[in-house]
Amino acid sequence: MTEIIRISPGNVWSDPEFPFSQAVVEPSGRRVHLTGQVAWDAEGRIVGPGDPGLQTEMAIDNIEAILGALGGRLEDIVSTTMYYVRDRDLPAIQQVRTKRFSKQHGPATTGIKVVGLVDPDLLIELTAIAVIPEDRFHSPS
């Protein structure tokens, strides 16, 4: 199997606006488990203190950079877990996710509300699992 199969059966709850799939079948390729990514830039500074949208953008930018170093892309992500601190941030977080993940490439997604993250100024953390096709995968140089 070379393509990711994503399904959301019509007889199961769904959110037509949010890019996620109820199930994702992994294709053949290299499975990559990413460390949770937060809104830290390359120097370890928080991007967007107090702004859940900017923090989500930075976390996804970090994920995209890590996958890119291996030949991967955001659409190779099959699963994400989102840890968030405040319910009021969900609309901003979902707006960014909707912009960055297309409906047809939405990963299986779990959201977990937490009391806090490693730094009190961090509002969201994203973990991801991706499967990079063999023809694009390369070891980082």
N, C-alpha and C. Protein backbone atom coordinates (compact mmCIF):
# COMPACT_ATOMS: atom_id res chain seq x y z
N MET A 1 0.85 -1.17 0.00
CA MET A 1 0.00 0.00 0.00
C MET A 1 0.90 1.23 0.00
N THR A 2 0.62 2.17 -0.89
CA THR A 2 1.47 3.35 -1.00
C THR A 2 0.76 4.65 -0.63
N GLU A 3 -0.54 4.63 -0.44
CA GLU A 3 -1.23 5.86 -0.11
C GLU A 3 -1.88 5.74 1.26
N ILE A 4 -2.03 6.89 1.91
CA ILE A 4 -2.72 6.93 3.19
C ILE A 4 -4.22 6.88 2.91
N ILE A 5 -4.90 5.99 3.61
CA ILE A 5 -6.36 5.91 3.51
C ILE A 5 -6.93 6.57 4.75
N ARG A 6 -7.81 7.55 4.53
CA ARG A 6 -8.44 8.30 5.62
C ARG A 6 -9.95 8.13 5.49
N ILE A 7 -10.61 7.77 6.60
CA ILE A 7 -12.05 7.60 6.52
C ILE A 7 -12.76 8.32 7.67
N SER A 8 -13.95 8.75 7.39
CA SER A 8 -14.88 9.31 8.38
C SER A 8 -16.27 8.86 7.94
N PRO A 9 -16.70 7.67 8.39
CA PRO A 9 -17.99 7.14 7.96
C PRO A 9 -19.14 8.08 8.31
N GLY A 10 -20.14 8.11 7.46
CA GLY A 10 -21.28 8.99 7.65
C GLY A 10 -22.12 8.67 8.87
N ASN A 11 -22.00 7.48 9.42
CA ASN A 11 -22.81 7.10 10.58
C ASN A 11 -22.09 7.29 11.91
N VAL A 12 -21.01 8.11 11.90
CA VAL A 12 -20.24 8.44 13.10
C VAL A 12 -20.19 9.96 13.18
N TRP A 13 -20.13 10.52 14.38
CA TRP A 13 -20.08 11.98 14.55
C TRP A 13 -18.94 12.57 13.72
N SER A 14 -19.11 13.81 13.33
CA SER A 14 -18.05 14.49 12.58
C SER A 14 -18.18 15.99 12.78
N ASP A 15 -17.17 16.69 12.36
CA ASP A 15 -17.16 18.15 12.35
C ASP A 15 -16.76 18.53 10.94
N PRO A 16 -17.72 19.01 10.13
CA PRO A 16 -17.42 19.28 8.73
C PRO A 16 -16.38 20.38 8.50
N GLU A 17 -16.12 21.20 9.51
CA GLU A 17 -15.17 22.30 9.37
C GLU A 17 -13.76 21.93 9.78
N PHE A 18 -13.61 20.95 10.66
CA PHE A 18 -12.31 20.64 11.26
C PHE A 18 -11.61 19.53 10.48
N PRO A 19 -10.35 19.74 10.12
CA PRO A 19 -9.63 18.74 9.31
C PRO A 19 -9.10 17.56 10.14
N PHE A 20 -9.91 16.54 10.25
CA PHE A 20 -9.47 15.32 10.91
C PHE A 20 -10.17 14.14 10.28
N SER A 21 -9.64 12.95 10.52
CA SER A 21 -10.24 11.72 10.03
C SER A 21 -10.56 10.85 11.24
N GLN A 22 -11.64 10.07 11.13
CA GLN A 22 -11.98 9.15 12.21
C GLN A 22 -10.98 7.99 12.28
N ALA A 23 -10.43 7.61 11.14
CA ALA A 23 -9.44 6.54 11.10
C ALA A 23 -8.48 6.81 9.94
N VAL A 24 -7.24 6.40 10.15
CA VAL A 24 -6.22 6.54 9.12
C VAL A 24 -5.48 5.21 9.02
N VAL A 25 -5.39 4.69 7.81
CA VAL A 25 -4.66 3.45 7.56
C VAL A 25 -3.30 3.84 7.01
N GLU A 26 -2.25 3.43 7.73
CA GLU A 26 -0.90 3.80 7.32
C GLU A 26 -0.49 3.06 6.06
N PRO A 27 0.18 3.76 5.16
CA PRO A 27 0.74 3.10 3.98
C PRO A 27 2.10 2.51 4.35
N SER A 28 2.72 1.87 3.37
CA SER A 28 4.10 1.45 3.60
C SER A 28 4.97 2.69 3.58
N GLY A 29 6.05 2.66 4.28
CA GLY A 29 6.94 3.81 4.37
C GLY A 29 7.63 3.82 5.72
N ARG A 30 8.25 4.93 6.03
CA ARG A 30 8.98 5.08 7.29
C ARG A 30 8.09 5.78 8.31
N ARG A 31 7.76 5.09 9.39
CA ARG A 31 6.95 5.68 10.45
C ARG A 31 7.86 6.55 11.32
N VAL A 32 7.42 7.78 11.55
CA VAL A 32 8.20 8.76 12.31
C VAL A 32 7.34 9.24 13.48
N HIS A 33 7.85 9.08 14.70
CA HIS A 33 7.18 9.56 15.90
C HIS A 33 7.90 10.83 16.33
N LEU A 34 7.18 11.93 16.38
CA LEU A 34 7.78 13.21 16.74
C LEU A 34 7.59 13.51 18.22
N THR A 35 8.59 14.14 18.81
CA THR A 35 8.48 14.67 20.16
C THR A 35 7.43 15.77 20.14
N GLY A 36 6.74 15.96 21.25
CA GLY A 36 5.76 17.03 21.34
C GLY A 36 6.39 18.36 20.99
N GLN A 37 5.70 19.12 20.14
CA GLN A 37 6.22 20.41 19.69
C GLN A 37 5.38 21.54 20.27
N VAL A 38 6.10 22.55 20.75
CA VAL A 38 5.46 23.73 21.33
C VAL A 38 5.93 24.95 20.57
N ALA A 39 5.58 26.12 21.06
CA ALA A 39 5.89 27.39 20.37
C ALA A 39 7.28 27.91 20.72
N TRP A 40 8.27 27.06 20.70
CA TRP A 40 9.65 27.50 20.90
C TRP A 40 10.29 27.69 19.53
N ASP A 41 11.01 28.80 19.39
CA ASP A 41 11.78 29.01 18.16
C ASP A 41 13.11 28.27 18.30
N ALA A 42 13.98 28.42 17.31
CA ALA A 42 15.26 27.69 17.29
C ALA A 42 16.15 28.05 18.48
N GLU A 43 15.93 29.21 19.09
CA GLU A 43 16.73 29.63 20.26
C GLU A 43 16.03 29.29 21.57
N GLY A 44 14.90 28.61 21.50
CA GLY A 44 14.19 28.21 22.71
C GLY A 44 13.31 29.31 23.31
N ARG A 45 13.04 30.35 22.55
CA ARG A 45 12.16 31.43 23.02
C ARG A 45 10.73 31.11 22.62
N ILE A 46 9.78 31.49 23.46
CA ILE A 46 8.37 31.27 23.16
C ILE A 46 7.90 32.29 22.13
N VAL A 47 7.28 31.78 21.09
CA VAL A 47 6.68 32.62 20.05
C VAL A 47 5.21 32.81 20.42
N GLY A 48 4.74 34.04 20.47
CA GLY A 48 3.33 34.33 20.71
C GLY A 48 2.86 34.11 22.13
N PRO A 49 3.55 34.63 23.14
CA PRO A 49 3.05 34.48 24.51
C PRO A 49 1.60 34.99 24.60
N GLY A 50 0.72 34.17 25.14
CA GLY A 50 -0.68 34.55 25.29
C GLY A 50 -1.52 34.40 24.04
N ASP A 51 -0.93 34.04 22.91
CA ASP A 51 -1.65 33.94 21.64
C ASP A 51 -1.69 32.48 21.17
N PRO A 52 -2.82 31.79 21.37
CA PRO A 52 -2.89 30.37 21.01
C PRO A 52 -2.75 30.12 19.51
N GLY A 53 -3.18 31.08 18.68
CA GLY A 53 -3.04 30.92 17.23
C GLY A 53 -1.59 30.93 16.81
N LEU A 54 -0.83 31.92 17.28
CA LEU A 54 0.60 31.99 16.95
C LEU A 54 1.35 30.79 17.50
N GLN A 55 0.98 30.37 18.71
CA GLN A 55 1.66 29.21 19.29
C GLN A 55 1.37 27.94 18.50
N THR A 56 0.15 27.79 18.01
CA THR A 56 -0.18 26.63 17.20
C THR A 56 0.59 26.67 15.88
N GLU A 57 0.66 27.84 15.27
CA GLU A 57 1.45 28.01 14.03
C GLU A 57 2.89 27.58 14.25
N MET A 58 3.51 28.04 15.36
CA MET A 58 4.91 27.72 15.61
C MET A 58 5.10 26.23 15.84
N ALA A 59 4.19 25.61 16.59
CA ALA A 59 4.29 24.16 16.83
C ALA A 59 4.21 23.40 15.51
N ILE A 60 3.29 23.81 14.63
CA ILE A 60 3.16 23.14 13.33
C ILE A 60 4.37 23.45 12.45
N ASP A 61 4.89 24.67 12.52
CA ASP A 61 6.13 24.99 11.79
C ASP A 61 7.26 24.06 12.21
N ASN A 62 7.38 23.82 13.52
CA ASN A 62 8.43 22.93 14.02
C ASN A 62 8.23 21.51 13.50
N ILE A 63 6.98 21.04 13.53
CA ILE A 63 6.68 19.70 13.00
C ILE A 63 7.04 19.62 11.52
N GLU A 64 6.67 20.64 10.77
CA GLU A 64 6.95 20.67 9.33
C GLU A 64 8.46 20.67 9.06
N ALA A 65 9.22 21.39 9.87
CA ALA A 65 10.68 21.43 9.70
C ALA A 65 11.31 20.07 10.00
N ILE A 66 10.84 19.42 11.04
CA ILE A 66 11.38 18.10 11.39
C ILE A 66 11.07 17.09 10.29
N LEU A 67 9.82 17.08 9.85
CA LEU A 67 9.46 16.16 8.77
C LEU A 67 10.23 16.48 7.49
N GLY A 68 10.39 17.78 7.19
CA GLY A 68 11.13 18.19 6.00
C GLY A 68 12.57 17.70 6.01
N ALA A 69 13.17 17.64 7.19
CA ALA A 69 14.56 17.16 7.29
C ALA A 69 14.67 15.68 6.92
N LEU A 70 13.53 14.99 6.88
CA LEU A 70 13.49 13.57 6.53
C LEU A 70 12.83 13.31 5.18
N GLY A 71 12.45 14.38 4.48
CA GLY A 71 11.76 14.23 3.20
C GLY A 71 10.25 14.18 3.34
N GLY A 72 9.75 14.46 4.53
CA GLY A 72 8.31 14.38 4.78
C GLY A 72 7.59 15.70 4.62
N ARG A 73 6.27 15.61 4.65
CA ARG A 73 5.38 16.76 4.51
C ARG A 73 4.27 16.65 5.55
N LEU A 74 3.55 17.74 5.76
CA LEU A 74 2.44 17.70 6.72
C LEU A 74 1.40 16.67 6.34
N GLU A 75 1.16 16.47 5.05
CA GLU A 75 0.14 15.49 4.66
C GLU A 75 0.54 14.05 4.94
N ASP A 76 1.80 13.83 5.36
CA ASP A 76 2.25 12.49 5.75
C ASP A 76 1.85 12.15 7.18
N ILE A 77 1.33 13.14 7.92
CA ILE A 77 0.94 12.90 9.31
C ILE A 77 -0.32 12.05 9.33
N VAL A 78 -0.28 10.97 10.11
CA VAL A 78 -1.43 10.08 10.23
C VAL A 78 -2.16 10.27 11.56
N SER A 79 -1.47 10.84 12.56
CA SER A 79 -2.09 10.98 13.88
C SER A 79 -1.47 12.15 14.63
N THR A 80 -2.32 12.89 15.34
CA THR A 80 -1.82 13.95 16.22
C THR A 80 -2.52 13.85 17.57
N THR A 81 -1.81 14.26 18.60
CA THR A 81 -2.39 14.46 19.92
C THR A 81 -2.13 15.91 20.28
N MET A 82 -3.18 16.60 20.67
CA MET A 82 -3.10 18.02 20.98
C MET A 82 -3.36 18.19 22.48
N TYR A 83 -2.41 18.78 23.18
CA TYR A 83 -2.57 19.10 24.59
C TYR A 83 -2.78 20.61 24.67
N TYR A 84 -3.87 21.02 25.28
CA TYR A 84 -4.17 22.45 25.37
C TYR A 84 -4.54 22.80 26.81
N VAL A 85 -4.36 24.06 27.18
CA VAL A 85 -4.53 24.49 28.56
C VAL A 85 -5.90 25.14 28.80
N ARG A 86 -6.37 25.92 27.84
CA ARG A 86 -7.59 26.70 28.07
C ARG A 86 -8.64 26.41 27.00
N ASP A 87 -9.86 26.12 27.44
CA ASP A 87 -10.95 25.87 26.50
C ASP A 87 -11.17 27.04 25.55
N ARG A 88 -11.02 28.26 26.04
CA ARG A 88 -11.28 29.44 25.21
C ARG A 88 -10.32 29.55 24.03
N ASP A 89 -9.21 28.80 24.06
CA ASP A 89 -8.24 28.84 22.97
C ASP A 89 -8.59 27.92 21.80
N LEU A 90 -9.55 27.02 22.00
CA LEU A 90 -9.85 26.03 20.97
C LEU A 90 -10.24 26.65 19.62
N PRO A 91 -11.06 27.69 19.56
CA PRO A 91 -11.37 28.25 18.24
C PRO A 91 -10.12 28.74 17.49
N ALA A 92 -9.20 29.40 18.18
CA ALA A 92 -7.98 29.89 17.53
C ALA A 92 -7.09 28.72 17.09
N ILE A 93 -6.99 27.71 17.93
CA ILE A 93 -6.19 26.52 17.60
C ILE A 93 -6.80 25.82 16.38
N GLN A 94 -8.10 25.64 16.39
CA GLN A 94 -8.76 24.95 15.28
C GLN A 94 -8.68 25.76 13.99
N GLN A 95 -8.71 27.08 14.10
CA GLN A 95 -8.58 27.92 12.90
C GLN A 95 -7.23 27.69 12.24
N VAL A 96 -6.17 27.62 13.03
CA VAL A 96 -4.84 27.38 12.47
C VAL A 96 -4.76 25.97 11.90
N ARG A 97 -5.26 24.98 12.62
CA ARG A 97 -5.22 23.60 12.11
C ARG A 97 -5.98 23.49 10.79
N THR A 98 -7.11 24.18 10.69
CA THR A 98 -7.90 24.15 9.46
C THR A 98 -7.13 24.78 8.31
N LYS A 99 -6.34 25.79 8.60
CA LYS A 99 -5.50 26.43 7.58
C LYS A 99 -4.33 25.55 7.16
N ARG A 100 -3.74 24.84 8.11
CA ARG A 100 -2.51 24.08 7.83
C ARG A 100 -2.76 22.65 7.36
N PHE A 101 -3.88 22.05 7.76
CA PHE A 101 -4.22 20.68 7.35
C PHE A 101 -5.49 20.73 6.52
N SER A 102 -5.43 20.22 5.31
CA SER A 102 -6.62 20.21 4.48
C SER A 102 -7.58 19.13 4.97
N LYS A 103 -8.84 19.29 4.65
CA LYS A 103 -9.85 18.31 5.07
C LYS A 103 -9.50 16.91 4.56
N GLN A 104 -9.03 16.81 3.32
CA GLN A 104 -8.70 15.49 2.77
C GLN A 104 -7.42 14.89 3.36
N HIS A 105 -6.58 15.71 4.01
CA HIS A 105 -5.36 15.20 4.61
C HIS A 105 -5.36 15.30 6.13
N GLY A 106 -6.54 15.47 6.72
CA GLY A 106 -6.62 15.59 8.18
C GLY A 106 -6.23 14.30 8.87
N PRO A 107 -5.34 14.39 9.85
CA PRO A 107 -4.92 13.18 10.58
C PRO A 107 -5.98 12.75 11.59
N ALA A 108 -5.88 11.53 12.08
CA ALA A 108 -6.66 11.13 13.24
C ALA A 108 -6.16 12.01 14.39
N THR A 109 -7.08 12.56 15.18
CA THR A 109 -6.70 13.58 16.15
C THR A 109 -7.35 13.34 17.50
N THR A 110 -6.57 13.54 18.56
CA THR A 110 -7.07 13.49 19.92
C THR A 110 -6.70 14.80 20.60
N GLY A 111 -7.64 15.40 21.31
CA GLY A 111 -7.38 16.61 22.07
C GLY A 111 -7.51 16.33 23.56
N ILE A 112 -6.55 16.80 24.34
CA ILE A 112 -6.55 16.56 25.77
C ILE A 112 -6.31 17.88 26.49
N LYS A 113 -7.26 18.26 27.35
CA LYS A 113 -7.08 19.46 28.15
C LYS A 113 -6.18 19.11 29.34
N VAL A 114 -5.18 19.95 29.57
CA VAL A 114 -4.23 19.72 30.65
C VAL A 114 -4.19 20.94 31.57
N VAL A 115 -3.68 20.75 32.76
CA VAL A 115 -3.57 21.84 33.72
C VAL A 115 -2.47 22.81 33.32
N GLY A 116 -1.41 22.29 32.72
CA GLY A 116 -0.32 23.14 32.30
C GLY A 116 0.69 22.35 31.49
N LEU A 117 1.59 23.09 30.87
CA LEU A 117 2.66 22.48 30.08
C LEU A 117 4.00 22.79 30.75
N VAL A 118 5.10 22.46 30.12
CA VAL A 118 6.42 22.58 30.73
C VAL A 118 6.77 24.02 31.11
N ASP A 119 6.19 24.99 30.44
CA ASP A 119 6.39 26.41 30.75
C ASP A 119 4.99 27.02 30.88
N PRO A 120 4.75 27.82 31.92
CA PRO A 120 3.40 28.37 32.12
C PRO A 120 2.93 29.29 30.99
N ASP A 121 3.83 29.78 30.13
CA ASP A 121 3.44 30.63 29.00
C ASP A 121 3.05 29.83 27.76
N LEU A 122 3.24 28.52 27.80
CA LEU A 122 2.86 27.68 26.67
C LEU A 122 1.40 27.28 26.80
N LEU A 123 0.67 27.37 25.69
CA LEU A 123 -0.76 27.11 25.69
C LEU A 123 -1.14 25.82 24.96
N ILE A 124 -0.26 25.30 24.12
CA ILE A 124 -0.57 24.12 23.32
C ILE A 124 0.70 23.33 23.05
N GLU A 125 0.56 22.03 22.97
CA GLU A 125 1.64 21.13 22.54
C GLU A 125 1.02 20.12 21.60
N LEU A 126 1.72 19.84 20.50
CA LEU A 126 1.26 18.88 19.50
C LEU A 126 2.27 17.76 19.34
N THR A 127 1.80 16.53 19.41
CA THR A 127 2.63 15.40 19.03
C THR A 127 2.08 14.84 17.74
N ALA A 128 2.92 14.23 16.95
CA ALA A 128 2.48 13.71 15.66
C ALA A 128 3.19 12.41 15.33
N ILE A 129 2.49 11.59 14.57
CA ILE A 129 3.06 10.40 13.95
C ILE A 129 2.85 10.56 12.46
N ALA A 130 3.90 10.37 11.69
CA ALA A 130 3.82 10.49 10.24
C ALA A 130 4.38 9.22 9.60
N VAL A 131 3.96 8.97 8.38
CA VAL A 131 4.54 7.89 7.57
C VAL A 131 5.02 8.53 6.28
N ILE A 132 6.34 8.55 6.12
CA ILE A 132 6.95 9.15 4.94
C ILE A 132 7.18 8.06 3.90
N PRO A 133 6.67 8.23 2.68
CA PRO A 133 6.89 7.22 1.64
C PRO A 133 8.38 6.97 1.42
N GLU A 134 8.71 5.73 1.15
CA GLU A 134 10.12 5.34 0.94
C GLU A 134 10.79 6.18 -0.14
N ASP A 135 10.04 6.53 -1.20
CA ASP A 135 10.67 7.26 -2.31
C ASP A 135 11.01 8.71 -1.95
N ARG A 136 10.47 9.22 -0.84
CA ARG A 136 10.79 10.58 -0.41
C ARG A 136 11.67 10.60 0.84
N PHE A 137 11.66 9.51 1.59
CA PHE A 137 12.41 9.49 2.85
C PHE A 137 13.91 9.58 2.59
N HIS A 138 14.57 10.38 3.42
CA HIS A 138 16.04 10.39 3.41
C HIS A 138 16.52 10.69 4.81
N SER A 139 17.66 10.13 5.15
CA SER A 139 18.27 10.41 6.45
C SER A 139 18.79 11.83 6.45
N PRO A 140 18.66 12.52 7.59
CA PRO A 140 19.16 13.90 7.64
C PRO A 140 20.67 13.94 7.48
N SER A 141 21.13 15.00 6.86
CA SER A 141 22.58 15.11 6.63
C SER A 141 23.25 15.81 7.76
